[in-house]
Amino acid sequence: MFKRVLINDDHDAIVESVAQILDSTDVSEIAKTHYCDEAYLKLKKAQLDQNPFDLIITDLSFKIDHRTVELVNGEDLIAKIRQDFPDMAIIVYSMKDQIQKVRTLVKKFHINAYVCKDRKGLKELSEALKIASSNKIYLSPQVSKALHPKSKMEIDDFDIRLISLLARGYSQDEISTDLKEQNISPNSLSTIEKRLNKLKIQFRANNTIHLVAIAKDLGLI
């Protein structure tokens, strides 16, 4: 079982309820943070002190306040953790239950568990701790399909990148330039146009603005 655990959530009640679950295990030290930047700095300091954390339990959504932050949400934090702490265990505890998002977190960032915050959330979190400590993956029943083949309403990382760039106001020409600069293929203007037309048909979107709106509603971006 994990010995040193960091809880990262901006709701005090959630932090305390998660801490109670950890108190019932063999965890010897629990630390708490409310911001993703703060969590990363605490992880970094622990590493420098040669007393690293074994596990972080983090939410994905964090309210923006007066602070200027670099890591805006849990996904930013997870990407940073995997870059600097590749072996650290990560459990996501979130209200979000979008399959595409969970699949990306599992496949790309190798999270150890994804637990949905609901009536059974804390019970599932307790189970997730046991399974993750055995180097296995735990997913709440609502998102368990993330480990199954994609459904017709799901898209790959390339498509997500296209829609994300559209959401940021990029034109198709600018998307093509961005892909070329990042050495991502395919990147031709004609291919991008065909891909976006296919996505509009797939999601029954009237135009690219509608496509972005649908993707946001589905939690794809």
C-alpha atoms as a PDB file:
ATOM      1  CA  MET A   1       0.000   0.000   0.000  1.00  0.00           C
ATOM      2  CA  PHE A   2       1.062   3.595  -0.537  1.00  0.00           C
ATOM      3  CA  LYS A   3       2.893   5.354   2.311  1.00  0.00           C
ATOM      4  CA  ARG A   4       3.059   9.020   1.314  1.00  0.00           C
ATOM      5  CA  VAL A   5       0.054  10.464  -0.512  1.00  0.00           C
ATOM      6  CA  LEU A   6      -0.786  13.938  -1.809  1.00  0.00           C
ATOM      7  CA  ILE A   7      -4.442  14.960  -2.208  1.00  0.00           C
ATOM      8  CA  ASN A   8      -5.036  17.771  -4.712  1.00  0.00           C
ATOM      9  CA  ASP A   9      -8.557  19.225  -4.842  1.00  0.00           C
ATOM     10  CA  ASP A  10      -9.973  22.737  -4.441  1.00  0.00           C
ATOM     11  CA  HIS A  11     -12.902  21.631  -2.264  1.00  0.00           C
ATOM     12  CA  ASP A  12     -12.054  21.246   1.415  1.00  0.00           C
ATOM     13  CA  ALA A  13     -14.882  18.764   2.010  1.00  0.00           C
ATOM     14  CA  ILE A  14     -13.592  16.489  -0.750  1.00  0.00           C
ATOM     15  CA  VAL A  15     -10.031  16.703   0.556  1.00  0.00           C
ATOM     16  CA  GLU A  16     -11.123  15.748   4.056  1.00  0.00           C
ATOM     17  CA  SER A  17     -13.320  12.868   2.881  1.00  0.00           C
ATOM     18  CA  VAL A  18     -10.451  11.457   0.793  1.00  0.00           C
ATOM     19  CA  ALA A  19      -8.120  11.876   3.765  1.00  0.00           C
ATOM     20  CA  GLN A  20     -10.521   9.829   5.904  1.00  0.00           C
ATOM     21  CA  ILE A  21     -10.352   7.004   3.381  1.00  0.00           C
ATOM     22  CA  LEU A  22      -6.564   7.134   3.461  1.00  0.00           C
ATOM     23  CA  ASP A  23      -6.568   7.154   7.265  1.00  0.00           C
ATOM     24  CA  SER A  24      -8.215   3.731   7.191  1.00  0.00           C
ATOM     25  CA  THR A  25      -5.285   2.304   5.216  1.00  0.00           C
ATOM     26  CA  ASP A  26      -1.572   1.942   5.930  1.00  0.00           C
ATOM     27  CA  VAL A  27      -0.766   5.425   4.602  1.00  0.00           C
ATOM     28  CA  SER A  28       1.694   7.039   6.998  1.00  0.00           C
ATOM     29  CA  GLU A  29       1.673  10.620   5.681  1.00  0.00           C
ATOM     30  CA  ILE A  30      -1.022  12.650   3.903  1.00  0.00           C
ATOM     31  CA  ALA A  31      -0.396  16.068   2.359  1.00  0.00           C
ATOM     32  CA  LYS A  32      -3.060  18.378   0.903  1.00  0.00           C
ATOM     33  CA  THR A  33      -3.045  21.051  -1.800  1.00  0.00           C
ATOM     34  CA  HIS A  34      -5.728  23.136  -3.516  1.00  0.00           C
ATOM     35  CA  TYR A  35      -3.902  24.226  -6.672  1.00  0.00           C
ATOM     36  CA  CYS A  36      -2.145  22.232  -9.375  1.00  0.00           C
ATOM     37  CA  ASP A  37       0.943  24.468  -9.295  1.00  0.00           C
ATOM     38  CA  GLU A  38       1.090  24.029  -5.534  1.00  0.00           C
ATOM     39  CA  ALA A  39       0.790  20.255  -5.907  1.00  0.00           C
ATOM     40  CA  TYR A  40       3.616  20.097  -8.431  1.00  0.00           C
ATOM     41  CA  LEU A  41       5.924  22.196  -6.248  1.00  0.00           C
ATOM     42  CA  LYS A  42       5.197  19.960  -3.255  1.00  0.00           C
ATOM     43  CA  LEU A  43       5.998  16.865  -5.322  1.00  0.00           C
ATOM     44  CA  LYS A  44       9.204  18.479  -6.546  1.00  0.00           C
ATOM     45  CA  LYS A  45      10.312  19.505  -3.060  1.00  0.00           C
ATOM     46  CA  ALA A  46       9.651  16.007  -1.727  1.00  0.00           C
ATOM     47  CA  GLN A  47      11.818  14.589  -4.475  1.00  0.00           C
ATOM     48  CA  LEU A  48      14.637  17.032  -3.714  1.00  0.00           C
ATOM     49  CA  ASP A  49      14.367  16.114  -0.037  1.00  0.00           C
ATOM     50  CA  GLN A  50      14.736  12.467  -1.072  1.00  0.00           C
ATOM     51  CA  ASN A  51      11.382  11.694   0.518  1.00  0.00           C
ATOM     52  CA  PRO A  52       9.110  11.417  -2.533  1.00  0.00           C
ATOM     53  CA  PHE A  53       5.380  10.808  -2.591  1.00  0.00           C
ATOM     54  CA  ASP A  54       4.147   7.409  -3.739  1.00  0.00           C
ATOM     55  CA  LEU A  55       0.777   8.605  -4.982  1.00  0.00           C
ATOM     56  CA  ILE A  56      -1.191  11.707  -5.928  1.00  0.00           C
ATOM     57  CA  ILE A  57      -4.996  11.791  -5.926  1.00  0.00           C
ATOM     58  CA  THR A  58      -6.180  14.743  -7.998  1.00  0.00           C
ATOM     59  CA  ASP A  59      -9.312  16.265  -9.445  1.00  0.00           C
ATOM     60  CA  LEU A  60      -9.348  17.501 -13.050  1.00  0.00           C
ATOM     61  CA  SER A  61     -11.341  20.723 -12.680  1.00  0.00           C
ATOM     62  CA  PHE A  62     -10.106  23.682 -10.631  1.00  0.00           C
ATOM     63  CA  LYS A  63     -11.808  27.053 -10.305  1.00  0.00           C
ATOM     64  CA  ILE A  64      -9.866  30.060 -11.559  1.00  0.00           C
ATOM     65  CA  ASP A  65      -9.359  32.771  -8.944  1.00  0.00           C
ATOM     66  CA  HIS A  66      -6.992  35.696  -8.345  1.00  0.00           C
ATOM     67  CA  ARG A  67      -3.902  33.513  -8.651  1.00  0.00           C
ATOM     68  CA  THR A  68      -1.827  33.381 -11.808  1.00  0.00           C
ATOM     69  CA  VAL A  69      -1.147  29.728 -12.503  1.00  0.00           C
ATOM     70  CA  GLU A  70       0.785  27.730 -15.085  1.00  0.00           C
ATOM     71  CA  LEU A  71      -0.959  24.410 -14.471  1.00  0.00           C
ATOM     72  CA  VAL A  72      -4.604  25.319 -14.918  1.00  0.00           C
ATOM     73  CA  ASN A  73      -6.198  21.918 -14.391  1.00  0.00           C
ATOM     74  CA  GLY A  74      -5.554  18.345 -13.387  1.00  0.00           C
ATOM     75  CA  GLU A  75      -4.729  17.294 -16.934  1.00  0.00           C
ATOM     76  CA  ASP A  76      -1.924  19.881 -17.069  1.00  0.00           C
ATOM     77  CA  LEU A  77      -0.637  18.580 -13.749  1.00  0.00           C
ATOM     78  CA  ILE A  78      -0.771  14.943 -14.840  1.00  0.00           C
ATOM     79  CA  ALA A  79       1.166  15.716 -18.028  1.00  0.00           C
ATOM     80  CA  LYS A  80       3.825  17.496 -15.946  1.00  0.00           C
ATOM     81  CA  ILE A  81       3.987  14.643 -13.443  1.00  0.00           C
ATOM     82  CA  ARG A  82       4.487  12.052 -16.151  1.00  0.00           C
ATOM     83  CA  GLN A  83       7.275  14.184 -17.581  1.00  0.00           C
ATOM     84  CA  ASP A  84       9.152  14.577 -14.289  1.00  0.00           C
ATOM     85  CA  PHE A  85       7.912  11.668 -12.148  1.00  0.00           C
ATOM     86  CA  PRO A  86       7.289   8.820 -14.602  1.00  0.00           C
ATOM     87  CA  ASP A  87       6.873   6.166 -11.908  1.00  0.00           C
ATOM     88  CA  MET A  88       4.531   8.047  -9.577  1.00  0.00           C
ATOM     89  CA  ALA A  89       1.087   6.510  -9.099  1.00  0.00           C
ATOM     90  CA  ILE A  90      -1.812   8.768 -10.110  1.00  0.00           C
ATOM     91  CA  ILE A  91      -5.476   8.409  -9.203  1.00  0.00           C
ATOM     92  CA  VAL A  92      -7.976  10.828 -10.730  1.00  0.00           C
ATOM     93  CA  TYR A  93     -11.050  11.588  -8.608  1.00  0.00           C
ATOM     94  CA  SER A  94     -13.404  13.641 -10.753  1.00  0.00           C
ATOM     95  CA  MET A  95     -17.008  14.486 -11.595  1.00  0.00           C
ATOM     96  CA  LYS A  96     -16.227  14.107 -15.294  1.00  0.00           C
ATOM     97  CA  ASP A  97     -17.222  10.817 -16.857  1.00  0.00           C
ATOM     98  CA  GLN A  98     -16.324  11.278 -20.537  1.00  0.00           C
ATOM     99  CA  ILE A  99     -14.941   8.052 -21.982  1.00  0.00           C
ATOM    100  CA  GLN A 100     -12.641   9.822 -24.443  1.00  0.00           C
ATOM    101  CA  LYS A 101     -10.990  11.845 -21.692  1.00  0.00           C
ATOM    102  CA  VAL A 102     -10.488   8.786 -19.491  1.00  0.00           C
ATOM    103  CA  ARG A 103      -9.063   6.779 -22.387  1.00  0.00           C
ATOM    104  CA  THR A 104      -6.516   9.517 -23.099  1.00  0.00           C
ATOM    105  CA  LEU A 105      -5.475   9.701 -19.445  1.00  0.00           C
ATOM    106  CA  VAL A 106      -5.002   5.924 -19.315  1.00  0.00           C
ATOM    107  CA  LYS A 107      -3.340   5.412 -22.689  1.00  0.00           C
ATOM    108  CA  LYS A 108      -1.236   8.568 -22.911  1.00  0.00           C
ATOM    109  CA  PHE A 109      -0.425   9.350 -19.274  1.00  0.00           C
ATOM    110  CA  HIS A 110      -0.776   5.863 -17.755  1.00  0.00           C
ATOM    111  CA  ILE A 111      -2.876   6.898 -14.768  1.00  0.00           C
ATOM    112  CA  ASN A 112      -3.444   4.099 -12.276  1.00  0.00           C
ATOM    113  CA  ALA A 113      -7.109   4.725 -11.558  1.00  0.00           C
ATOM    114  CA  TYR A 114     -10.035   6.928 -12.520  1.00  0.00           C
ATOM    115  CA  VAL A 115     -12.762   7.247  -9.898  1.00  0.00           C
ATOM    116  CA  CYS A 116     -15.980   9.169 -10.517  1.00  0.00           C
ATOM    117  CA  LYS A 117     -17.266  11.422  -7.753  1.00  0.00           C
ATOM    118  CA  ASP A 118     -20.766  10.215  -7.030  1.00  0.00           C
ATOM    119  CA  ARG A 119     -22.693   8.366  -4.312  1.00  0.00           C
ATOM    120  CA  LYS A 120     -20.320   5.407  -4.440  1.00  0.00           C
ATOM    121  CA  GLY A 121     -17.226   7.475  -5.154  1.00  0.00           C
ATOM    122  CA  LEU A 122     -15.501   7.062  -1.805  1.00  0.00           C
ATOM    123  CA  LYS A 123     -16.172   3.322  -1.719  1.00  0.00           C
ATOM    124  CA  GLU A 124     -14.741   3.026  -5.228  1.00  0.00           C
ATOM    125  CA  LEU A 125     -11.771   5.151  -4.220  1.00  0.00           C
ATOM    126  CA  SER A 126     -11.000   2.715  -1.431  1.00  0.00           C
ATOM    127  CA  GLU A 127     -11.070  -0.131  -3.941  1.00  0.00           C
ATOM    128  CA  ALA A 128      -8.967   1.870  -6.398  1.00  0.00           C
ATOM    129  CA  LEU A 129      -6.256   2.332  -3.770  1.00  0.00           C
ATOM    130  CA  LYS A 130      -5.973  -1.414  -3.282  1.00  0.00           C
ATOM    131  CA  ILE A 131      -5.912  -2.202  -6.990  1.00  0.00           C
ATOM    132  CA  ALA A 132      -3.525   0.621  -7.928  1.00  0.00           C
ATOM    133  CA  SER A 133      -1.100  -0.477  -5.212  1.00  0.00           C
ATOM    134  CA  SER A 134      -0.955  -3.838  -7.019  1.00  0.00           C
ATOM    135  CA  ASN A 135       0.069  -2.120 -10.266  1.00  0.00           C
ATOM    136  CA  LYS A 136      -3.326  -2.742 -11.847  1.00  0.00           C
ATOM    137  CA  ILE A 137      -5.730  -0.213 -13.370  1.00  0.00           C
ATOM    138  CA  TYR A 138      -9.046   0.640 -11.724  1.00  0.00           C
ATOM    139  CA  LEU A 139     -11.862   2.493 -13.488  1.00  0.00           C
ATOM    140  CA  SER A 140     -15.281   3.352 -12.091  1.00  0.00           C
ATOM    141  CA  PRO A 141     -18.087   1.385 -13.813  1.00  0.00           C
ATOM    142  CA  GLN A 142     -19.318   4.554 -15.564  1.00  0.00           C
ATOM    143  CA  VAL A 143     -16.042   4.895 -17.478  1.00  0.00           C
ATOM    144  CA  SER A 144     -14.903   1.275 -17.699  1.00  0.00           C
ATOM    145  CA  LYS A 145     -15.524   1.289 -21.456  1.00  0.00           C
ATOM    146  CA  ALA A 146     -12.436   3.489 -21.788  1.00  0.00           C
ATOM    147  CA  LEU A 147     -10.398   0.302 -22.043  1.00  0.00           C
ATOM    148  CA  HIS A 148     -12.668  -1.087 -24.773  1.00  0.00           C
ATOM    149  CA  PRO A 149     -12.422  -0.299 -28.522  1.00  0.00           C
ATOM    150  CA  LYS A 150     -13.604   3.184 -29.468  1.00  0.00           C
ATOM    151  CA  SER A 151     -17.267   3.694 -30.294  1.00  0.00           C
ATOM    152  CA  LYS A 152     -18.392   5.527 -33.424  1.00  0.00           C
ATOM    153  CA  MET A 153     -18.911   8.686 -31.377  1.00  0.00           C
ATOM    154  CA  GLU A 154     -15.274   8.779 -30.276  1.00  0.00           C
ATOM    155  CA  ILE A 155     -12.308  10.155 -32.159  1.00  0.00           C
ATOM    156  CA  ASP A 156      -8.540   9.837 -32.120  1.00  0.00           C
ATOM    157  CA  ASP A 157      -5.896  12.234 -30.792  1.00  0.00           C
ATOM    158  CA  PHE A 158      -5.305  13.807 -34.207  1.00  0.00           C
ATOM    159  CA  ASP A 159      -8.983  14.726 -34.552  1.00  0.00           C
ATOM    160  CA  ILE A 160      -9.012  16.125 -31.026  1.00  0.00           C
ATOM    161  CA  ARG A 161      -6.028  18.303 -31.905  1.00  0.00           C
ATOM    162  CA  LEU A 162      -7.819  19.640 -35.001  1.00  0.00           C
ATOM    163  CA  ILE A 163     -10.950  20.528 -33.051  1.00  0.00           C
ATOM    164  CA  SER A 164      -8.916  22.007 -30.180  1.00  0.00           C
ATOM    165  CA  LEU A 165      -7.095  24.301 -32.612  1.00  0.00           C
ATOM    166  CA  LEU A 166     -10.432  25.326 -34.139  1.00  0.00           C
ATOM    167  CA  ALA A 167     -11.677  26.125 -30.642  1.00  0.00           C
ATOM    168  CA  ARG A 168      -8.665  28.421 -30.198  1.00  0.00           C
ATOM    169  CA  GLY A 169      -9.652  30.371 -33.316  1.00  0.00           C
ATOM    170  CA  TYR A 170      -7.193  28.828 -35.786  1.00  0.00           C
ATOM    171  CA  SER A 171      -8.109  28.840 -39.468  1.00  0.00           C
ATOM    172  CA  GLN A 172      -7.527  25.693 -41.516  1.00  0.00           C
ATOM    173  CA  ASP A 173      -4.406  27.305 -43.000  1.00  0.00           C
ATOM    174  CA  GLU A 174      -3.095  28.034 -39.506  1.00  0.00           C
ATOM    175  CA  ILE A 175      -3.882  24.484 -38.397  1.00  0.00           C
ATOM    176  CA  SER A 176      -1.840  23.165 -41.315  1.00  0.00           C
ATOM    177  CA  THR A 177       1.072  25.423 -40.358  1.00  0.00           C
ATOM    178  CA  ASP A 178       0.865  24.354 -36.713  1.00  0.00           C
ATOM    179  CA  LEU A 179       0.916  20.665 -37.617  1.00  0.00           C
ATOM    180  CA  LYS A 180       3.926  21.174 -39.881  1.00  0.00           C
ATOM    181  CA  GLU A 181       5.784  23.050 -37.148  1.00  0.00           C
ATOM    182  CA  GLN A 182       5.073  20.182 -34.741  1.00  0.00           C
ATOM    183  CA  ASN A 183       6.092  17.582 -37.365  1.00  0.00           C
ATOM    184  CA  ILE A 184       2.643  16.014 -37.190  1.00  0.00           C
ATOM    185  CA  SER A 185       1.309  14.223 -40.248  1.00  0.00           C
ATOM    186  CA  PRO A 186      -0.900  14.418 -42.186  1.00  0.00           C
ATOM    187  CA  ASN A 187      -0.720  18.203 -42.330  1.00  0.00           C
ATOM    188  CA  SER A 188      -1.823  19.246 -45.808  1.00  0.00           C
ATOM    189  CA  LEU A 189      -4.674  21.716 -46.129  1.00  0.00           C
ATOM    190  CA  SER A 190      -6.719  19.305 -48.251  1.00  0.00           C
ATOM    191  CA  THR A 191      -6.359  16.502 -45.688  1.00  0.00           C
ATOM    192  CA  ILE A 192      -7.416  18.827 -42.855  1.00  0.00           C
ATOM    193  CA  GLU A 193     -10.448  19.961 -44.823  1.00  0.00           C
ATOM    194  CA  LYS A 194     -11.467  16.355 -45.560  1.00  0.00           C
ATOM    195  CA  ARG A 195     -10.954  15.315 -41.938  1.00  0.00           C
ATOM    196  CA  LEU A 196     -13.070  18.180 -40.616  1.00  0.00           C
ATOM    197  CA  ASN A 197     -15.831  17.462 -43.139  1.00  0.00           C
ATOM    198  CA  LYS A 198     -15.827  13.828 -42.006  1.00  0.00           C
ATOM    199  CA  LEU A 199     -16.083  14.938 -38.361  1.00  0.00           C
ATOM    200  CA  LYS A 200     -18.987  17.282 -39.165  1.00  0.00           C
ATOM    201  CA  ILE A 201     -20.837  14.388 -40.774  1.00  0.00           C
ATOM    202  CA  GLN A 202     -19.957  12.031 -37.901  1.00  0.00           C
ATOM    203  CA  PHE A 203     -21.277  14.449 -35.261  1.00  0.00           C
ATOM    204  CA  ARG A 204     -24.021  15.931 -37.448  1.00  0.00           C
ATOM    205  CA  ALA A 205     -22.549  19.402 -37.084  1.00  0.00           C
ATOM    206  CA  ASN A 206     -23.790  22.206 -39.332  1.00  0.00           C
ATOM    207  CA  ASN A 207     -20.405  23.936 -39.422  1.00  0.00           C
ATOM    208  CA  THR A 208     -17.058  24.031 -37.606  1.00  0.00           C
ATOM    209  CA  ILE A 209     -18.420  26.262 -34.817  1.00  0.00           C
ATOM    210  CA  HIS A 210     -21.181  23.734 -34.217  1.00  0.00           C
ATOM    211  CA  LEU A 211     -18.583  20.926 -34.304  1.00  0.00           C
ATOM    212  CA  VAL A 212     -16.513  22.631 -31.591  1.00  0.00           C
ATOM    213  CA  ALA A 213     -19.634  23.134 -29.456  1.00  0.00           C
ATOM    214  CA  ILE A 214     -20.606  19.458 -29.761  1.00  0.00           C
ATOM    215  CA  ALA A 215     -17.061  18.323 -28.926  1.00  0.00           C
ATOM    216  CA  LYS A 216     -17.085  20.490 -25.786  1.00  0.00           C
ATOM    217  CA  ASP A 217     -20.481  19.159 -24.720  1.00  0.00           C
ATOM    218  CA  LEU A 218     -19.192  15.595 -25.083  1.00  0.00           C
ATOM    219  CA  GLY A 219     -16.051  16.401 -23.129  1.00  0.00           C
ATOM    220  CA  LEU A 220     -13.792  15.597 -26.083  1.00  0.00           C
ATOM    221  CA  ILE A 221     -11.912  18.876 -25.714  1.00  0.00           C
END
